[in-house]
Amino acid sequence: MPRSREVFEAMRQTTRQKIEVSALSLFARRGLSVKVGEIAEAAGVSQGLLYSHYASKDALIAELIRQATTISGKTVLDFAEGGDGAAEKIQGITDMMCRMFTEAPIGIDYFMFMAQVGMSGLKLPEASLYSPEAPNPAESLAQVIAQGQAEGTVVCGDPMQLSIVYWAAIQGLCAYAITGMPILPEPEILSRIVLKEGCI
C-alpha cells in the first residue's frame, strides 16, 4: 500500500507540473485573461482534474507568483551574498541570465509572466511577496552595485535606478525572445550597463 501511495503522489506531482508549465507559458504570452479551459487543454488534463489541484485560476496564479519570487529572490541573493567582488557578482548574475536564453527558457516565461502580473494591477497575495530569505532581485542587485561603486568597478548613479535599468534590459530581451526571434545576448554587453570599462 505505501508503494501505491508513492506512485499516486508522483503522478499527482507530474500532473501539477504540467498544469503549472502550461499556465505559465499561456499567461506569459497572452496575459492573465487566459481561461481555465485553455490551460487544461494545453496541459492535457480535464478542467475537473485541474480544479482538484487548484481551487481557482487565482490560486494557480498565486502559486506561479510564489515560485517566481522565490526562485528569482533566492538566486540573486546567493550571488549578492557571495564572497566575490561586485564585478564578479554582476558578471555571475549576467552569465546566468544569458544562459537562460539557451538552457532554461522557462525562465523567460517566468519573466514575462511577472510582467503580465505587474501590468494587470493584480494585488499580490501575501504568501507570494518577496521575503528576507528571497528579497526582490532589484534590491539585491542594487546592494551589489553600491558595493561596486565603493570598489570603483561600477558606474556612478543611483544603485536602485541602475538595477532597474539592468533588469529592464533582461525583460526586454525576454519579450523579444518570446516572439520566437532567436537571441543570444552577450554577457559583456549586458554587464556594461553597470560595470565600468575594463572591469568585466
N, C-alpha and C. Protein backbone atom coordinates (compact mmCIF):
# COMPACT_ATOMS: atom_id res chain seq x y z
N MET A 1 0.81 -1.21 0.00
CA MET A 1 0.00 0.00 0.00
C MET A 1 0.85 1.28 0.00
N PRO A 2 1.94 1.35 0.81
CA PRO A 2 2.78 2.56 0.78
C PRO A 2 3.33 2.82 -0.62
N ARG A 3 3.67 1.74 -1.37
CA ARG A 3 4.22 1.89 -2.72
C ARG A 3 3.18 2.55 -3.62
N SER A 4 1.91 2.13 -3.50
CA SER A 4 0.84 2.72 -4.30
C SER A 4 0.69 4.20 -3.99
N ARG A 5 0.84 4.57 -2.75
CA ARG A 5 0.74 5.97 -2.35
C ARG A 5 1.87 6.78 -2.99
N GLU A 6 3.08 6.21 -3.03
CA GLU A 6 4.22 6.90 -3.64
C GLU A 6 3.98 7.12 -5.13
N VAL A 7 3.46 6.09 -5.80
CA VAL A 7 3.18 6.19 -7.24
C VAL A 7 2.11 7.25 -7.48
N PHE A 8 1.06 7.23 -6.67
CA PHE A 8 -0.03 8.22 -6.80
C PHE A 8 0.51 9.63 -6.61
N GLU A 9 1.33 9.81 -5.60
CA GLU A 9 1.87 11.15 -5.31
C GLU A 9 2.78 11.62 -6.44
N ALA A 10 3.58 10.70 -7.01
CA ALA A 10 4.45 11.06 -8.13
C ALA A 10 3.61 11.48 -9.34
N MET A 11 2.52 10.73 -9.60
CA MET A 11 1.64 11.08 -10.72
C MET A 11 0.96 12.43 -10.48
N ARG A 12 0.58 12.66 -9.24
CA ARG A 12 -0.07 13.93 -8.88
C ARG A 12 0.90 15.10 -9.11
N GLN A 13 2.15 14.93 -8.71
CA GLN A 13 3.14 15.99 -8.89
C GLN A 13 3.41 16.24 -10.37
N THR A 14 3.43 15.15 -11.18
CA THR A 14 3.65 15.30 -12.62
C THR A 14 2.50 16.09 -13.24
N THR A 15 1.27 15.76 -12.86
CA THR A 15 0.09 16.47 -13.37
C THR A 15 0.15 17.93 -12.97
N ARG A 16 0.47 18.17 -11.72
CA ARG A 16 0.56 19.56 -11.21
C ARG A 16 1.60 20.34 -12.00
N GLN A 17 2.73 19.71 -12.27
CA GLN A 17 3.80 20.38 -13.01
C GLN A 17 3.36 20.70 -14.44
N LYS A 18 2.65 19.77 -15.08
CA LYS A 18 2.13 20.02 -16.43
C LYS A 18 1.19 21.23 -16.43
N ILE A 19 0.33 21.30 -15.44
CA ILE A 19 -0.62 22.41 -15.32
C ILE A 19 0.15 23.72 -15.15
N GLU A 20 1.13 23.73 -14.25
CA GLU A 20 1.88 24.96 -13.98
C GLU A 20 2.68 25.42 -15.20
N VAL A 21 3.35 24.49 -15.87
CA VAL A 21 4.16 24.86 -17.04
C VAL A 21 3.27 25.39 -18.16
N SER A 22 2.13 24.73 -18.38
CA SER A 22 1.20 25.17 -19.43
C SER A 22 0.62 26.54 -19.10
N ALA A 23 0.21 26.73 -17.85
CA ALA A 23 -0.36 28.01 -17.43
C ALA A 23 0.69 29.12 -17.54
N LEU A 24 1.89 28.84 -17.10
CA LEU A 24 2.96 29.83 -17.14
C LEU A 24 3.20 30.30 -18.57
N SER A 25 3.28 29.35 -19.50
CA SER A 25 3.52 29.68 -20.90
C SER A 25 2.38 30.52 -21.48
N LEU A 26 1.15 30.12 -21.21
CA LEU A 26 -0.01 30.86 -21.72
C LEU A 26 -0.11 32.25 -21.11
N PHE A 27 0.06 32.34 -19.79
CA PHE A 27 0.00 33.65 -19.14
C PHE A 27 1.10 34.57 -19.65
N ALA A 28 2.30 34.03 -19.84
CA ALA A 28 3.44 34.83 -20.30
C ALA A 28 3.18 35.44 -21.67
N ARG A 29 2.52 34.69 -22.53
CA ARG A 29 2.31 35.13 -23.89
C ARG A 29 1.00 35.88 -24.12
N ARG A 30 -0.03 35.54 -23.34
CA ARG A 30 -1.37 36.09 -23.63
C ARG A 30 -1.99 36.87 -22.48
N GLY A 31 -1.32 36.93 -21.36
CA GLY A 31 -1.85 37.68 -20.23
C GLY A 31 -2.69 36.81 -19.31
N LEU A 32 -3.17 37.42 -18.23
CA LEU A 32 -3.87 36.67 -17.19
C LEU A 32 -5.33 36.39 -17.53
N SER A 33 -5.79 36.85 -18.68
CA SER A 33 -7.18 36.61 -19.07
C SER A 33 -7.38 35.21 -19.67
N VAL A 34 -6.31 34.44 -19.82
CA VAL A 34 -6.43 33.07 -20.33
C VAL A 34 -7.43 32.30 -19.48
N LYS A 35 -8.27 31.52 -20.14
CA LYS A 35 -9.32 30.77 -19.43
C LYS A 35 -8.80 29.45 -18.90
N VAL A 36 -9.42 28.96 -17.83
CA VAL A 36 -9.02 27.70 -17.22
C VAL A 36 -9.10 26.56 -18.23
N GLY A 37 -10.14 26.56 -19.07
CA GLY A 37 -10.28 25.51 -20.09
C GLY A 37 -9.09 25.48 -21.03
N GLU A 38 -8.55 26.65 -21.38
CA GLU A 38 -7.39 26.71 -22.26
C GLU A 38 -6.15 26.14 -21.58
N ILE A 39 -6.02 26.41 -20.29
CA ILE A 39 -4.89 25.87 -19.53
C ILE A 39 -5.00 24.35 -19.45
N ALA A 40 -6.19 23.85 -19.13
CA ALA A 40 -6.41 22.42 -19.03
C ALA A 40 -6.10 21.73 -20.35
N GLU A 41 -6.57 22.31 -21.44
CA GLU A 41 -6.32 21.72 -22.76
C GLU A 41 -4.83 21.68 -23.07
N ALA A 42 -4.13 22.78 -22.80
CA ALA A 42 -2.69 22.83 -23.06
C ALA A 42 -1.93 21.81 -22.21
N ALA A 43 -2.43 21.57 -20.99
CA ALA A 43 -1.77 20.62 -20.08
C ALA A 43 -2.18 19.17 -20.36
N GLY A 44 -3.22 19.00 -21.18
CA GLY A 44 -3.69 17.66 -21.49
C GLY A 44 -4.47 17.02 -20.34
N VAL A 45 -5.17 17.85 -19.57
CA VAL A 45 -5.97 17.34 -18.45
C VAL A 45 -7.38 17.93 -18.55
N SER A 46 -8.30 17.35 -17.80
CA SER A 46 -9.66 17.89 -17.76
C SER A 46 -9.70 19.09 -16.81
N GLN A 47 -10.72 19.93 -16.97
CA GLN A 47 -10.86 21.06 -16.06
C GLN A 47 -11.08 20.56 -14.64
N GLY A 48 -11.82 19.46 -14.50
CA GLY A 48 -12.06 18.90 -13.17
C GLY A 48 -10.77 18.51 -12.48
N LEU A 49 -9.86 17.89 -13.26
CA LEU A 49 -8.57 17.49 -12.69
C LEU A 49 -7.75 18.72 -12.31
N LEU A 50 -7.82 19.74 -13.17
CA LEU A 50 -7.10 20.98 -12.85
C LEU A 50 -7.62 21.56 -11.54
N TYR A 51 -8.95 21.58 -11.38
CA TYR A 51 -9.54 22.14 -10.16
C TYR A 51 -9.24 21.27 -8.94
N SER A 52 -8.89 20.00 -9.14
CA SER A 52 -8.52 19.18 -7.98
C SER A 52 -7.13 19.57 -7.45
N HIS A 53 -6.37 20.26 -8.29
CA HIS A 53 -5.04 20.74 -7.88
C HIS A 53 -5.09 22.20 -7.43
N TYR A 54 -5.92 22.98 -8.10
CA TYR A 54 -6.04 24.41 -7.80
C TYR A 54 -7.51 24.77 -7.71
N ALA A 55 -7.93 25.33 -6.61
CA ALA A 55 -9.34 25.65 -6.40
C ALA A 55 -9.86 26.70 -7.38
N SER A 56 -8.95 27.52 -7.93
CA SER A 56 -9.36 28.58 -8.85
C SER A 56 -8.16 29.00 -9.69
N LYS A 57 -8.43 29.77 -10.73
CA LYS A 57 -7.35 30.31 -11.55
C LYS A 57 -6.49 31.24 -10.70
N ASP A 58 -7.11 32.00 -9.81
CA ASP A 58 -6.36 32.90 -8.93
C ASP A 58 -5.38 32.13 -8.05
N ALA A 59 -5.79 30.94 -7.60
CA ALA A 59 -4.89 30.12 -6.77
C ALA A 59 -3.69 29.65 -7.59
N LEU A 60 -3.92 29.31 -8.85
CA LEU A 60 -2.84 28.90 -9.74
C LEU A 60 -1.90 30.08 -9.99
N ILE A 61 -2.46 31.23 -10.26
CA ILE A 61 -1.64 32.43 -10.47
C ILE A 61 -0.81 32.73 -9.23
N ALA A 62 -1.43 32.64 -8.06
CA ALA A 62 -0.72 32.92 -6.80
C ALA A 62 0.46 31.96 -6.63
N GLU A 63 0.28 30.70 -6.99
CA GLU A 63 1.37 29.72 -6.86
C GLU A 63 2.50 30.05 -7.82
N LEU A 64 2.16 30.44 -9.04
CA LEU A 64 3.21 30.79 -10.01
C LEU A 64 3.96 32.04 -9.58
N ILE A 65 3.24 33.00 -8.99
CA ILE A 65 3.91 34.20 -8.46
C ILE A 65 4.86 33.80 -7.33
N ARG A 66 4.39 32.91 -6.45
CA ARG A 66 5.23 32.45 -5.33
C ARG A 66 6.50 31.80 -5.86
N GLN A 67 6.37 30.95 -6.87
CA GLN A 67 7.53 30.31 -7.47
C GLN A 67 8.49 31.34 -8.05
N ALA A 68 7.94 32.28 -8.81
CA ALA A 68 8.78 33.29 -9.48
C ALA A 68 9.54 34.14 -8.47
N THR A 69 8.84 34.61 -7.43
CA THR A 69 9.50 35.47 -6.45
C THR A 69 10.53 34.70 -5.62
N THR A 70 10.22 33.44 -5.30
CA THR A 70 11.15 32.63 -4.50
C THR A 70 12.40 32.30 -5.30
N ILE A 71 12.21 31.82 -6.53
CA ILE A 71 13.36 31.42 -7.35
C ILE A 71 14.25 32.62 -7.64
N SER A 72 13.65 33.70 -8.14
CA SER A 72 14.46 34.87 -8.50
C SER A 72 15.10 35.50 -7.28
N GLY A 73 14.32 35.62 -6.20
CA GLY A 73 14.84 36.25 -4.99
C GLY A 73 16.02 35.50 -4.40
N LYS A 74 15.88 34.19 -4.27
CA LYS A 74 16.97 33.39 -3.67
C LYS A 74 18.19 33.33 -4.58
N THR A 75 17.96 33.19 -5.87
CA THR A 75 19.09 33.05 -6.80
C THR A 75 19.97 34.29 -6.80
N VAL A 76 19.35 35.45 -6.92
CA VAL A 76 20.14 36.69 -6.97
C VAL A 76 20.76 36.98 -5.60
N LEU A 77 20.04 36.66 -4.53
CA LEU A 77 20.59 36.86 -3.18
C LEU A 77 21.85 36.03 -2.97
N ASP A 78 21.86 34.80 -3.50
CA ASP A 78 23.05 33.94 -3.37
C ASP A 78 24.27 34.62 -3.98
N PHE A 79 24.09 35.23 -5.15
CA PHE A 79 25.19 35.96 -5.78
C PHE A 79 25.57 37.17 -4.92
N ALA A 80 24.57 37.92 -4.47
CA ALA A 80 24.82 39.15 -3.72
C ALA A 80 25.58 38.88 -2.42
N GLU A 81 25.30 37.76 -1.79
CA GLU A 81 25.94 37.45 -0.51
C GLU A 81 27.23 36.66 -0.67
N GLY A 82 27.63 36.38 -1.90
CA GLY A 82 28.87 35.64 -2.14
C GLY A 82 30.08 36.46 -1.73
N GLY A 83 31.22 35.82 -1.71
CA GLY A 83 32.44 36.48 -1.24
C GLY A 83 33.21 37.23 -2.31
N ASP A 84 32.75 37.19 -3.55
CA ASP A 84 33.46 37.84 -4.64
C ASP A 84 33.29 39.36 -4.59
N GLY A 85 34.09 40.03 -5.42
CA GLY A 85 33.91 41.47 -5.60
C GLY A 85 32.64 41.71 -6.40
N ALA A 86 32.20 42.95 -6.43
CA ALA A 86 30.95 43.28 -7.10
C ALA A 86 30.99 42.96 -8.59
N ALA A 87 32.11 43.23 -9.24
CA ALA A 87 32.21 42.97 -10.69
C ALA A 87 32.00 41.49 -10.98
N GLU A 88 32.59 40.62 -10.16
CA GLU A 88 32.42 39.17 -10.36
C GLU A 88 30.98 38.74 -10.08
N LYS A 89 30.37 39.34 -9.07
CA LYS A 89 28.97 39.01 -8.76
C LYS A 89 28.07 39.41 -9.92
N ILE A 90 28.28 40.61 -10.43
CA ILE A 90 27.44 41.09 -11.55
C ILE A 90 27.65 40.23 -12.78
N GLN A 91 28.91 39.87 -13.03
CA GLN A 91 29.18 39.01 -14.18
C GLN A 91 28.54 37.63 -14.00
N GLY A 92 28.54 37.12 -12.77
CA GLY A 92 27.90 35.83 -12.50
C GLY A 92 26.41 35.87 -12.74
N ILE A 93 25.77 36.94 -12.27
CA ILE A 93 24.32 37.10 -12.49
C ILE A 93 24.05 37.20 -13.99
N THR A 94 24.87 37.98 -14.69
CA THR A 94 24.67 38.19 -16.12
C THR A 94 24.88 36.90 -16.91
N ASP A 95 25.91 36.15 -16.56
CA ASP A 95 26.15 34.87 -17.24
C ASP A 95 24.95 33.94 -17.06
N MET A 96 24.41 33.90 -15.85
CA MET A 96 23.24 33.06 -15.57
C MET A 96 22.04 33.52 -16.39
N MET A 97 21.81 34.82 -16.45
CA MET A 97 20.69 35.34 -17.22
C MET A 97 20.84 35.01 -18.70
N CYS A 98 22.04 35.12 -19.23
CA CYS A 98 22.27 34.82 -20.65
C CYS A 98 22.09 33.33 -20.95
N ARG A 99 22.47 32.48 -20.01
CA ARG A 99 22.26 31.03 -20.21
C ARG A 99 20.78 30.69 -20.28
N MET A 100 19.96 31.49 -19.63
CA MET A 100 18.51 31.25 -19.64
C MET A 100 17.98 31.19 -21.07
N PHE A 101 18.56 31.97 -21.97
CA PHE A 101 18.05 32.03 -23.34
C PHE A 101 18.35 30.77 -24.13
N THR A 102 19.31 29.98 -23.68
CA THR A 102 19.64 28.75 -24.41
C THR A 102 19.39 27.48 -23.58
N GLU A 103 19.54 27.58 -22.27
CA GLU A 103 19.48 26.38 -21.43
C GLU A 103 18.23 26.27 -20.57
N ALA A 104 17.58 27.37 -20.25
CA ALA A 104 16.44 27.34 -19.33
C ALA A 104 15.37 28.32 -19.78
N PRO A 105 14.75 28.07 -20.96
CA PRO A 105 13.77 29.03 -21.47
C PRO A 105 12.55 29.22 -20.58
N ILE A 106 12.32 28.33 -19.63
CA ILE A 106 11.20 28.54 -18.71
C ILE A 106 11.42 29.82 -17.90
N GLY A 107 12.68 30.20 -17.72
CA GLY A 107 12.99 31.45 -17.04
C GLY A 107 12.41 32.65 -17.78
N ILE A 108 12.41 32.58 -19.12
CA ILE A 108 11.82 33.64 -19.93
C ILE A 108 10.33 33.74 -19.64
N ASP A 109 9.67 32.57 -19.53
CA ASP A 109 8.24 32.57 -19.22
C ASP A 109 7.97 33.19 -17.86
N TYR A 110 8.82 32.89 -16.87
CA TYR A 110 8.64 33.50 -15.55
C TYR A 110 8.77 35.03 -15.63
N PHE A 111 9.77 35.50 -16.37
CA PHE A 111 9.97 36.95 -16.51
C PHE A 111 8.73 37.60 -17.12
N MET A 112 8.24 37.00 -18.22
CA MET A 112 7.12 37.61 -18.93
C MET A 112 5.81 37.45 -18.15
N PHE A 113 5.68 36.34 -17.42
CA PHE A 113 4.51 36.16 -16.56
C PHE A 113 4.46 37.26 -15.51
N MET A 114 5.59 37.54 -14.85
CA MET A 114 5.62 38.58 -13.82
C MET A 114 5.36 39.96 -14.43
N ALA A 115 5.78 40.17 -15.68
CA ALA A 115 5.46 41.43 -16.36
C ALA A 115 3.94 41.54 -16.55
N GLN A 116 3.32 40.42 -16.95
CA GLN A 116 1.87 40.41 -17.13
C GLN A 116 1.16 40.68 -15.80
N VAL A 117 1.68 40.09 -14.71
CA VAL A 117 1.10 40.32 -13.38
C VAL A 117 1.19 41.80 -13.04
N GLY A 118 2.35 42.39 -13.29
CA GLY A 118 2.54 43.81 -12.99
C GLY A 118 1.61 44.70 -13.80
N MET A 119 1.43 44.39 -15.08
CA MET A 119 0.59 45.21 -15.94
C MET A 119 -0.90 45.02 -15.63
N SER A 120 -1.24 43.87 -15.03
CA SER A 120 -2.65 43.59 -14.75
C SER A 120 -3.18 44.37 -13.54
N GLY A 121 -2.25 44.83 -12.70
CA GLY A 121 -2.67 45.52 -11.47
C GLY A 121 -3.11 44.55 -10.39
N LEU A 122 -2.87 43.26 -10.60
CA LEU A 122 -3.26 42.24 -9.63
C LEU A 122 -2.55 42.48 -8.30
N LYS A 123 -3.30 42.45 -7.23
CA LYS A 123 -2.71 42.58 -5.89
C LYS A 123 -2.07 41.25 -5.53
N LEU A 124 -0.78 41.29 -5.22
CA LEU A 124 -0.06 40.06 -4.90
C LEU A 124 -0.51 39.48 -3.58
N PRO A 125 -0.77 38.17 -3.54
CA PRO A 125 -1.10 37.53 -2.27
C PRO A 125 0.08 37.64 -1.31
N GLU A 126 -0.19 37.76 -0.03
CA GLU A 126 0.86 37.92 0.98
C GLU A 126 1.91 36.82 0.88
N ALA A 127 1.47 35.58 0.67
CA ALA A 127 2.39 34.44 0.61
C ALA A 127 3.30 34.50 -0.61
N SER A 128 2.95 35.32 -1.60
CA SER A 128 3.74 35.41 -2.83
C SER A 128 4.75 36.55 -2.82
N LEU A 129 4.70 37.39 -1.82
CA LEU A 129 5.57 38.56 -1.80
C LEU A 129 7.02 38.18 -1.51
N TYR A 130 7.93 39.05 -1.91
CA TYR A 130 9.34 38.82 -1.59
C TYR A 130 9.52 38.83 -0.08
N SER A 131 10.54 38.13 0.39
CA SER A 131 10.79 37.99 1.83
C SER A 131 12.27 38.21 2.10
N PRO A 132 12.67 38.27 3.37
CA PRO A 132 14.10 38.42 3.67
C PRO A 132 14.94 37.26 3.13
N GLU A 133 14.34 36.06 3.04
CA GLU A 133 15.07 34.89 2.52
C GLU A 133 15.13 34.91 0.99
N ALA A 134 14.18 35.61 0.37
CA ALA A 134 14.12 35.71 -1.09
C ALA A 134 13.69 37.14 -1.44
N PRO A 135 14.59 38.11 -1.24
CA PRO A 135 14.23 39.51 -1.47
C PRO A 135 14.08 39.85 -2.96
N ASN A 136 13.53 41.01 -3.23
CA ASN A 136 13.38 41.47 -4.60
C ASN A 136 14.76 41.51 -5.26
N PRO A 137 14.92 40.86 -6.43
CA PRO A 137 16.23 40.87 -7.10
C PRO A 137 16.76 42.27 -7.40
N ALA A 138 15.86 43.22 -7.65
CA ALA A 138 16.31 44.60 -7.92
C ALA A 138 17.01 45.18 -6.70
N GLU A 139 16.50 44.86 -5.51
CA GLU A 139 17.12 45.36 -4.28
C GLU A 139 18.47 44.68 -4.04
N SER A 140 18.53 43.36 -4.29
CA SER A 140 19.79 42.64 -4.09
C SER A 140 20.86 43.14 -5.04
N LEU A 141 20.48 43.35 -6.31
CA LEU A 141 21.46 43.85 -7.28
C LEU A 141 21.87 45.28 -6.92
N ALA A 142 20.94 46.09 -6.43
CA ALA A 142 21.28 47.46 -6.03
C ALA A 142 22.35 47.45 -4.94
N GLN A 143 22.28 46.49 -4.03
CA GLN A 143 23.30 46.37 -2.98
C GLN A 143 24.66 46.03 -3.59
N VAL A 144 24.66 45.13 -4.57
CA VAL A 144 25.91 44.76 -5.24
C VAL A 144 26.46 45.97 -6.01
N ILE A 145 25.58 46.71 -6.64
CA ILE A 145 26.01 47.91 -7.37
C ILE A 145 26.63 48.93 -6.42
N ALA A 146 26.02 49.13 -5.26
CA ALA A 146 26.59 50.05 -4.26
C ALA A 146 27.96 49.56 -3.81
N GLN A 147 28.09 48.24 -3.61
CA GLN A 147 29.39 47.66 -3.26
C GLN A 147 30.41 47.96 -4.36
N GLY A 148 29.99 47.77 -5.62
CA GLY A 148 30.89 48.01 -6.76
C GLY A 148 31.29 49.47 -6.89
N GLN A 149 30.37 50.37 -6.56
CA GLN A 149 30.72 51.79 -6.62
C GLN A 149 31.78 52.11 -5.57
N ALA A 150 31.67 51.49 -4.40
CA ALA A 150 32.69 51.69 -3.35
C ALA A 150 34.02 51.09 -3.78
N GLU A 151 33.97 50.00 -4.55
CA GLU A 151 35.20 49.33 -5.03
C GLU A 151 35.77 50.01 -6.27
N GLY A 152 34.96 50.86 -6.90
CA GLY A 152 35.42 51.56 -8.11
C GLY A 152 35.22 50.78 -9.39
N THR A 153 34.40 49.73 -9.38
CA THR A 153 34.19 48.92 -10.59
C THR A 153 32.85 49.17 -11.27
N VAL A 154 31.97 49.90 -10.60
CA VAL A 154 30.62 50.13 -11.13
C VAL A 154 30.43 51.62 -11.42
N VAL A 155 29.68 51.90 -12.47
CA VAL A 155 29.46 53.29 -12.89
C VAL A 155 28.72 54.06 -11.80
N CYS A 156 28.82 55.38 -11.86
CA CYS A 156 28.13 56.25 -10.91
C CYS A 156 26.64 56.28 -11.22
N GLY A 157 25.86 56.59 -10.20
CA GLY A 157 24.42 56.70 -10.37
C GLY A 157 23.70 56.06 -9.20
N ASP A 158 22.42 56.33 -9.11
CA ASP A 158 21.62 55.74 -8.04
C ASP A 158 21.60 54.23 -8.22
N PRO A 159 22.03 53.46 -7.20
CA PRO A 159 22.11 51.99 -7.33
C PRO A 159 20.79 51.33 -7.72
N MET A 160 19.67 51.81 -7.15
CA MET A 160 18.38 51.19 -7.47
C MET A 160 17.98 51.49 -8.91
N GLN A 161 18.22 52.71 -9.37
CA GLN A 161 17.88 53.03 -10.76
C GLN A 161 18.74 52.22 -11.73
N LEU A 162 20.01 52.06 -11.43
CA LEU A 162 20.88 51.25 -12.29
C LEU A 162 20.40 49.79 -12.30
N SER A 163 20.00 49.29 -11.14
CA SER A 163 19.50 47.92 -11.05
C SER A 163 18.24 47.75 -11.89
N ILE A 164 17.34 48.72 -11.80
CA ILE A 164 16.08 48.63 -12.56
C ILE A 164 16.36 48.66 -14.07
N VAL A 165 17.30 49.48 -14.50
CA VAL A 165 17.66 49.54 -15.92
C VAL A 165 18.22 48.19 -16.36
N TYR A 166 19.06 47.59 -15.53
CA TYR A 166 19.64 46.28 -15.84
C TYR A 166 18.53 45.24 -16.03
N TRP A 167 17.61 45.16 -15.05
CA TRP A 167 16.52 44.17 -15.12
C TRP A 167 15.57 44.49 -16.27
N ALA A 168 15.38 45.76 -16.58
CA ALA A 168 14.52 46.13 -17.71
C ALA A 168 15.13 45.63 -19.02
N ALA A 169 16.46 45.68 -19.12
CA ALA A 169 17.13 45.16 -20.32
C ALA A 169 16.90 43.65 -20.45
N ILE A 170 17.01 42.93 -19.33
CA ILE A 170 16.76 41.48 -19.36
C ILE A 170 15.32 41.21 -19.77
N GLN A 171 14.40 41.96 -19.19
CA GLN A 171 12.98 41.76 -19.50
C GLN A 171 12.70 42.07 -20.98
N GLY A 172 13.34 43.09 -21.50
CA GLY A 172 13.19 43.42 -22.92
C GLY A 172 13.68 42.31 -23.81
N LEU A 173 14.81 41.71 -23.44
CA LEU A 173 15.34 40.57 -24.21
C LEU A 173 14.37 39.38 -24.14
N CYS A 174 13.76 39.18 -22.96
CA CYS A 174 12.77 38.10 -22.81
C CYS A 174 11.57 38.36 -23.70
N ALA A 175 11.11 39.61 -23.77
CA ALA A 175 9.97 39.96 -24.61
C ALA A 175 10.31 39.70 -26.07
N TYR A 176 11.53 39.99 -26.46
CA TYR A 176 11.99 39.74 -27.82
C TYR A 176 12.03 38.24 -28.09
N ALA A 177 12.58 37.48 -27.15
CA ALA A 177 12.73 36.03 -27.34
C ALA A 177 11.38 35.32 -27.39
N ILE A 178 10.41 35.80 -26.62
CA ILE A 178 9.12 35.12 -26.54
C ILE A 178 8.33 35.22 -27.84
N THR A 179 8.73 36.16 -28.70
CA THR A 179 8.08 36.28 -30.01
C THR A 179 8.59 35.22 -30.97
N GLY A 180 9.59 34.47 -30.54
CA GLY A 180 10.15 33.42 -31.40
C GLY A 180 11.41 33.83 -32.11
N MET A 181 11.84 35.06 -31.90
CA MET A 181 13.07 35.52 -32.55
C MET A 181 14.27 34.90 -31.83
N PRO A 182 15.21 34.35 -32.58
CA PRO A 182 16.40 33.79 -31.92
C PRO A 182 17.25 34.91 -31.34
N ILE A 183 17.70 34.71 -30.13
CA ILE A 183 18.52 35.73 -29.49
C ILE A 183 19.54 35.07 -28.59
N LEU A 184 20.78 35.51 -28.69
CA LEU A 184 21.86 35.03 -27.83
C LEU A 184 22.58 36.25 -27.28
N PRO A 185 22.06 36.85 -26.21
CA PRO A 185 22.68 38.06 -25.68
C PRO A 185 24.11 37.80 -25.19
N GLU A 186 24.97 38.75 -25.43
CA GLU A 186 26.35 38.64 -24.97
C GLU A 186 26.46 39.18 -23.55
N PRO A 187 26.96 38.37 -22.62
CA PRO A 187 27.06 38.81 -21.22
C PRO A 187 27.84 40.12 -21.05
N GLU A 188 28.88 40.31 -21.85
CA GLU A 188 29.71 41.51 -21.70
C GLU A 188 28.90 42.77 -22.01
N ILE A 189 28.01 42.69 -23.00
CA ILE A 189 27.20 43.85 -23.36
C ILE A 189 26.23 44.19 -22.23
N LEU A 190 25.60 43.15 -21.66
CA LEU A 190 24.67 43.38 -20.54
C LEU A 190 25.39 43.93 -19.32
N SER A 191 26.53 43.35 -19.00
CA SER A 191 27.28 43.79 -17.82
C SER A 191 27.72 45.24 -17.94
N ARG A 192 27.95 45.67 -19.18
CA ARG A 192 28.42 47.03 -19.42
C ARG A 192 27.39 48.08 -19.00
N ILE A 193 26.14 47.67 -18.77
CA ILE A 193 25.12 48.61 -18.30
C ILE A 193 25.54 49.19 -16.95
N VAL A 194 26.20 48.37 -16.13
CA VAL A 194 26.56 48.84 -14.79
C VAL A 194 28.06 48.83 -14.50
N LEU A 195 28.81 48.00 -15.21
CA LEU A 195 30.24 47.92 -14.91
C LEU A 195 31.06 48.94 -15.71
N LYS A 196 32.09 49.46 -15.09
CA LYS A 196 32.99 50.38 -15.77
C LYS A 196 33.81 49.61 -16.81
N GLU A 197 34.24 50.34 -17.83
CA GLU A 197 35.09 49.76 -18.88
C GLU A 197 36.33 49.13 -18.24
N GLY A 198 36.67 47.94 -18.68
CA GLY A 198 37.85 47.27 -18.15
C GLY A 198 37.60 46.49 -16.88
N CYS A 199 36.38 46.49 -16.38
CA CYS A 199 36.08 45.76 -15.13
C CYS A 199 35.30 44.47 -15.39
N ILE A 200 35.16 44.10 -16.66
CA ILE A 200 34.43 42.89 -17.00
C ILE A 200 35.39 41.71 -17.06
